[in-house]
C-alpha atoms as a PDB file:
ATOM      1  CA  MET A   1       0.000   0.000   0.000  1.00  0.00           C
ATOM      2  CA  HIS A   2       1.186   3.496  -0.715  1.00  0.00           C
ATOM      3  CA  LEU A   3       0.788   6.389   1.657  1.00  0.00           C
ATOM      4  CA  ASN A   4      -0.795   9.202  -0.285  1.00  0.00           C
ATOM      5  CA  PRO A   5       0.837  12.592   0.081  1.00  0.00           C
ATOM      6  CA  TYR A   6       1.225  13.523   3.745  1.00  0.00           C
ATOM      7  CA  GLY A   7      -0.343  10.294   4.973  1.00  0.00           C
ATOM      8  CA  GLU A   8      -3.720  11.302   3.625  1.00  0.00           C
ATOM      9  CA  TYR A   9      -4.734   7.760   2.658  1.00  0.00           C
ATOM     10  CA  ALA A  10      -4.212   6.351   6.150  1.00  0.00           C
ATOM     11  CA  VAL A  11      -5.884   9.252   7.948  1.00  0.00           C
ATOM     12  CA  LEU A  12      -8.904   9.123   5.665  1.00  0.00           C
ATOM     13  CA  LEU A  13      -9.146   5.360   6.202  1.00  0.00           C
ATOM     14  CA  ALA A  14      -9.142   5.906   9.973  1.00  0.00           C
ATOM     15  CA  VAL A  15     -11.784   8.641   9.616  1.00  0.00           C
ATOM     16  CA  SER A  16     -13.923   6.338   7.513  1.00  0.00           C
ATOM     17  CA  LEU A  17     -13.693   3.509  10.044  1.00  0.00           C
ATOM     18  CA  ALA A  18     -14.338   5.840  12.989  1.00  0.00           C
ATOM     19  CA  ASN A  19     -17.346   7.540  11.387  1.00  0.00           C
ATOM     20  CA  ASP A  20     -18.935   4.414   9.918  1.00  0.00           C
ATOM     21  CA  TRP A  21     -17.815   1.341  11.833  1.00  0.00           C
ATOM     22  CA  PRO A  22     -18.269  -1.855   9.797  1.00  0.00           C
ATOM     23  CA  VAL A  23     -20.369  -4.583  11.394  1.00  0.00           C
ATOM     24  CA  ASP A  24     -17.769  -7.308  10.854  1.00  0.00           C
ATOM     25  CA  ARG A  25     -14.212  -8.032   9.775  1.00  0.00           C
ATOM     26  CA  ALA A  26     -15.274  -8.533   6.159  1.00  0.00           C
ATOM     27  CA  GLY A  27     -16.644  -4.988   6.158  1.00  0.00           C
ATOM     28  CA  ILE A  28     -13.365  -3.656   7.522  1.00  0.00           C
ATOM     29  CA  GLU A  29     -11.354  -5.494   4.877  1.00  0.00           C
ATOM     30  CA  GLU A  30     -13.694  -4.278   2.146  1.00  0.00           C
ATOM     31  CA  ARG A  31     -13.263  -0.695   3.372  1.00  0.00           C
ATOM     32  CA  THR A  32      -9.476  -0.972   3.450  1.00  0.00           C
ATOM     33  CA  LEU A  33      -9.460  -2.301  -0.115  1.00  0.00           C
ATOM     34  CA  ASP A  34     -11.923   0.375  -1.280  1.00  0.00           C
ATOM     35  CA  MET A  35      -9.676   3.069   0.183  1.00  0.00           C
ATOM     36  CA  GLY A  36      -6.557   1.815  -1.584  1.00  0.00           C
ATOM     37  CA  MET A  37      -4.942  -0.897   0.512  1.00  0.00           C
ATOM     38  CA  THR A  38      -3.979  -3.791  -1.745  1.00  0.00           C
ATOM     39  CA  MET A  39      -2.902  -6.432   0.759  1.00  0.00           C
ATOM     40  CA  THR A  40      -5.230  -8.814   2.531  1.00  0.00           C
ATOM     41  CA  PHE A  41      -4.382 -10.690   5.700  1.00  0.00           C
ATOM     42  CA  PRO A  42      -5.478 -14.031   7.086  1.00  0.00           C
ATOM     43  CA  PRO A  43      -8.478 -13.530   9.363  1.00  0.00           C
ATOM     44  CA  ALA A  44      -8.257 -14.113  13.095  1.00  0.00           C
ATOM     45  CA  SER A  45     -11.260 -14.586  15.362  1.00  0.00           C
ATOM     46  CA  ASP A  46     -10.595 -11.386  17.315  1.00  0.00           C
ATOM     47  CA  ASP A  47      -9.733  -9.077  14.381  1.00  0.00           C
ATOM     48  CA  HIS A  48     -12.967  -7.080  14.593  1.00  0.00           C
ATOM     49  CA  ALA A  49     -12.480  -6.325  18.295  1.00  0.00           C
ATOM     50  CA  GLN A  50      -8.758  -5.625  17.909  1.00  0.00           C
ATOM     51  CA  ILE A  51      -9.329  -3.206  15.044  1.00  0.00           C
ATOM     52  CA  ARG A  52     -12.032  -1.481  17.116  1.00  0.00           C
ATOM     53  CA  ALA A  53      -9.357  -1.017  19.805  1.00  0.00           C
ATOM     54  CA  VAL A  54      -7.021   0.486  17.168  1.00  0.00           C
ATOM     55  CA  ILE A  55      -9.705   3.003  16.194  1.00  0.00           C
ATOM     56  CA  ASP A  56     -10.598   3.754  19.824  1.00  0.00           C
ATOM     57  CA  ASP A  57      -6.919   4.432  20.599  1.00  0.00           C
ATOM     58  CA  TRP A  58      -6.742   6.671  17.528  1.00  0.00           C
ATOM     59  CA  LEU A  59      -9.841   8.563  18.672  1.00  0.00           C
ATOM     60  CA  ARG A  60      -7.994   9.484  21.884  1.00  0.00           C
ATOM     61  CA  ILE A  61      -5.488  11.260  19.624  1.00  0.00           C
ATOM     62  CA  VAL A  62      -8.284  12.929  17.642  1.00  0.00           C
ATOM     63  CA  ASP A  63      -9.958  14.180  20.820  1.00  0.00           C
ATOM     64  CA  GLU A  64      -6.801  15.457  22.530  1.00  0.00           C
ATOM     65  CA  PRO A  65      -6.877  19.266  22.223  1.00  0.00           C
ATOM     66  CA  ASP A  66      -3.374  19.874  23.597  1.00  0.00           C
ATOM     67  CA  HIS A  67      -0.791  19.493  20.838  1.00  0.00           C
ATOM     68  CA  ASP A  68       1.973  18.296  23.170  1.00  0.00           C
ATOM     69  CA  ALA A  69      -0.294  15.670  24.723  1.00  0.00           C
ATOM     70  CA  ARG A  70      -1.523  14.688  21.254  1.00  0.00           C
ATOM     71  CA  ALA A  71       2.075  14.136  20.154  1.00  0.00           C
ATOM     72  CA  LEU A  72       2.789  11.990  23.224  1.00  0.00           C
ATOM     73  CA  LEU A  73      -0.235   9.800  22.512  1.00  0.00           C
ATOM     74  CA  LEU A  74       0.732   9.456  18.876  1.00  0.00           C
ATOM     75  CA  ASN A  75       4.354   8.668  19.718  1.00  0.00           C
ATOM     76  CA  ALA A  76       3.149   5.899  22.033  1.00  0.00           C
ATOM     77  CA  GLN A  77       1.079   4.474  19.170  1.00  0.00           C
ATOM     78  CA  LEU A  78       4.024   4.650  16.798  1.00  0.00           C
ATOM     79  CA  ALA A  79       6.245   2.856  19.309  1.00  0.00           C
ATOM     80  CA  THR A  80       3.877  -0.114  19.444  1.00  0.00           C
ATOM     81  CA  ALA A  81       3.469  -0.585  15.710  1.00  0.00           C
ATOM     82  CA  ALA A  82       6.067   1.141  13.578  1.00  0.00           C
ATOM     83  CA  ALA A  83       9.430  -0.287  12.614  1.00  0.00           C
ATOM     84  CA  TYR A  84      12.335   0.858  10.523  1.00  0.00           C
ATOM     85  CA  PRO A  85      11.369   1.665   6.924  1.00  0.00           C
ATOM     86  CA  ARG A  86      11.900  -1.109   4.409  1.00  0.00           C
ATOM     87  CA  LEU A  87      11.598  -1.372   0.645  1.00  0.00           C
ATOM     88  CA  THR A  88       9.010  -3.836  -0.584  1.00  0.00           C
ATOM     89  CA  ASN A  89       7.440  -4.840  -3.878  1.00  0.00           C
ATOM     90  CA  HIS A  90       4.166  -6.763  -3.677  1.00  0.00           C
ATOM     91  CA  ASP A  91       0.777  -7.041  -5.335  1.00  0.00           C
ATOM     92  CA  GLY A  92       1.897  -5.241  -8.487  1.00  0.00           C
ATOM     93  CA  GLU A  93       2.358  -1.954  -6.642  1.00  0.00           C
ATOM     94  CA  GLY A  94       5.990  -1.439  -7.528  1.00  0.00           C
ATOM     95  CA  TRP A  95       8.707  -0.593  -5.050  1.00  0.00           C
ATOM     96  CA  HIS A  96       7.548   1.388  -2.043  1.00  0.00           C
ATOM     97  CA  LEU A  97       8.214   1.770   1.670  1.00  0.00           C
ATOM     98  CA  HIS A  98       6.624  -0.058   4.565  1.00  0.00           C
ATOM     99  CA  TYR A  99       7.043   1.444   8.017  1.00  0.00           C
ATOM    100  CA  ARG A 100       6.070  -1.703   9.880  1.00  0.00           C
ATOM    101  CA  ASP A 101       7.253  -5.211  10.531  1.00  0.00           C
ATOM    102  CA  ASP A 102       6.045  -7.913   8.171  1.00  0.00           C
ATOM    103  CA  VAL A 103       3.338  -9.178  10.485  1.00  0.00           C
ATOM    104  CA  GLU A 104       0.409 -11.008   8.895  1.00  0.00           C
ATOM    105  CA  SER A 105      -2.224  -9.303  11.048  1.00  0.00           C
ATOM    106  CA  LEU A 106      -4.748  -6.748   9.829  1.00  0.00           C
ATOM    107  CA  PRO A 107      -5.066  -5.069  13.272  1.00  0.00           C
ATOM    108  CA  PHE A 108      -1.282  -4.701  13.545  1.00  0.00           C
ATOM    109  CA  VAL A 109      -0.941  -3.309  10.031  1.00  0.00           C
ATOM    110  CA  LEU A 110      -3.816  -0.860  10.509  1.00  0.00           C
ATOM    111  CA  ARG A 111      -2.305   0.409  13.771  1.00  0.00           C
ATOM    112  CA  ALA A 112       1.009   0.965  11.991  1.00  0.00           C
ATOM    113  CA  ILE A 113      -0.313   2.730   8.893  1.00  0.00           C
ATOM    114  CA  ILE A 114      -2.884   4.810  10.793  1.00  0.00           C
ATOM    115  CA  SER A 115      -0.278   5.938  13.339  1.00  0.00           C
ATOM    116  CA  LEU A 116       2.270   6.800  10.681  1.00  0.00           C
ATOM    117  CA  GLY A 117      -0.286   8.420   8.391  1.00  0.00           C
ATOM    118  CA  THR A 118      -1.663  10.509  11.244  1.00  0.00           C
ATOM    119  CA  SER A 119       1.857  11.593  12.176  1.00  0.00           C
ATOM    120  CA  LEU A 120       2.609  12.646   8.615  1.00  0.00           C
ATOM    121  CA  HIS A 121      -0.729  14.426   8.352  1.00  0.00           C
ATOM    122  CA  LEU A 122      -0.234  16.406  11.554  1.00  0.00           C
ATOM    123  CA  VAL A 123       3.401  17.398  11.032  1.00  0.00           C
ATOM    124  CA  THR A 124       2.943  18.415   7.400  1.00  0.00           C
ATOM    125  CA  ARG A 125      -0.517  19.975   7.526  1.00  0.00           C
ATOM    126  CA  GLY A 126      -0.657  21.141  11.146  1.00  0.00           C
ATOM    127  CA  MET A 127      -1.358  19.700  14.572  1.00  0.00           C
ATOM    128  CA  SER A 128      -4.845  21.192  14.639  1.00  0.00           C
ATOM    129  CA  ARG A 129      -6.030  19.618  11.380  1.00  0.00           C
ATOM    130  CA  LEU A 130      -7.693  16.644  13.000  1.00  0.00           C
ATOM    131  CA  GLY A 131     -10.792  16.877  15.173  1.00  0.00           C
ATOM    132  CA  ARG A 132     -14.547  16.538  15.380  1.00  0.00           C
ATOM    133  CA  CYS A 133     -17.247  18.046  13.192  1.00  0.00           C
ATOM    134  CA  GLU A 134     -18.345  21.454  14.493  1.00  0.00           C
ATOM    135  CA  ALA A 135     -22.008  20.988  13.526  1.00  0.00           C
ATOM    136  CA  SER A 136     -23.726  20.009  16.748  1.00  0.00           C
ATOM    137  CA  PRO A 137     -24.871  17.318  17.491  1.00  0.00           C
ATOM    138  CA  CYS A 138     -22.616  15.583  14.937  1.00  0.00           C
ATOM    139  CA  THR A 139     -19.513  13.980  16.425  1.00  0.00           C
ATOM    140  CA  ASN A 140     -17.912  12.635  13.231  1.00  0.00           C
ATOM    141  CA  VAL A 141     -14.158  12.920  12.862  1.00  0.00           C
ATOM    142  CA  VAL A 142     -12.785  15.470  10.398  1.00  0.00           C
ATOM    143  CA  ALA A 143      -9.295  15.213   8.927  1.00  0.00           C
ATOM    144  CA  ASP A 144      -8.696  18.559   7.271  1.00  0.00           C
ATOM    145  CA  VAL A 145      -7.062  17.862   3.919  1.00  0.00           C
ATOM    146  CA  THR A 146      -8.067  21.171   2.353  1.00  0.00           C
ATOM    147  CA  ARG A 147      -5.515  23.521   0.879  1.00  0.00           C
ATOM    148  CA  ASN A 148      -6.516  26.430   3.101  1.00  0.00           C
ATOM    149  CA  GLY A 149      -6.787  24.429   6.322  1.00  0.00           C
ATOM    150  CA  ARG A 150     -10.298  25.545   7.222  1.00  0.00           C
ATOM    151  CA  GLN A 151     -12.335  22.349   7.056  1.00  0.00           C
ATOM    152  CA  ARG A 152     -14.567  22.303  10.141  1.00  0.00           C
ATOM    153  CA  PHE A 153     -17.370  20.000   9.082  1.00  0.00           C
ATOM    154  CA  CYS A 154     -17.511  16.337   8.089  1.00  0.00           C
ATOM    155  CA  SER A 155     -19.855  16.922   5.161  1.00  0.00           C
ATOM    156  CA  VAL A 156     -21.650  19.517   3.100  1.00  0.00           C
ATOM    157  CA  ARG A 157     -24.816  18.563   4.972  1.00  0.00           C
ATOM    158  CA  CYS A 158     -23.270  19.455   8.339  1.00  0.00           C
ATOM    159  CA  ALA A 159     -21.797  22.690   6.938  1.00  0.00           C
ATOM    160  CA  ASN A 160     -25.221  23.679   5.594  1.00  0.00           C
ATOM    161  CA  ARG A 161     -26.900  22.785   8.897  1.00  0.00           C
ATOM    162  CA  ALA A 162     -24.450  25.018  10.783  1.00  0.00           C
ATOM    163  CA  ALA A 163     -24.982  27.857   8.295  1.00  0.00           C
ATOM    164  CA  VAL A 164     -28.760  27.648   8.723  1.00  0.00           C
ATOM    165  CA  ARG A 165     -28.352  27.754  12.519  1.00  0.00           C
ATOM    166  CA  ARG A 166     -26.085  30.832  12.285  1.00  0.00           C
ATOM    167  CA  HIS A 167     -28.577  32.514   9.944  1.00  0.00           C
ATOM    168  CA  ARG A 168     -31.533  31.791  12.224  1.00  0.00           C
ATOM    169  CA  ALA A 169     -29.606  33.059  15.239  1.00  0.00           C
ATOM    170  CA  ARG A 170     -28.880  36.354  13.443  1.00  0.00           C
ATOM    171  CA  VAL A 171     -32.480  36.766  12.266  1.00  0.00           C
ATOM    172  CA  SER A 172     -33.946  36.082  15.694  1.00  0.00           C
ATOM    173  CA  ALA A 173     -31.459  38.326  17.538  1.00  0.00           C
END
């Protein structure tokens, strides 16, 4: 699998899993393949629960408002999953880098790529470009991948809902 520029692929995969949790392991694997991962891994009976733990740990990073504390949490995640970079050539992808050990476990691989991708996203785009949708009561995760760094909503629907609320507040004031 390739990391898109600035780890975008991995962060958007984590956002997708966090915002729309698949009901089973097959759904998780389908999502990873749909989002660009080419490798599949032998299933284990506890994969669904272990991947949920990966996402829950990642959500602690998303929800941490203090940048120093966010970095500490992310560094702890990287320490558990990342390894020295290595060249690899599999599944017709051509030569690319893996930043993880060659472990045949989908939960392990997702922890590694999500941690690394999130790190790349935050250090290249900004530590504040990961959070929750600002359209109450929505709590979806937003990874700001915009050029101007002003994405505050998870969808056009939530942005429109917030705009209508602001408009109504002005009219009634």
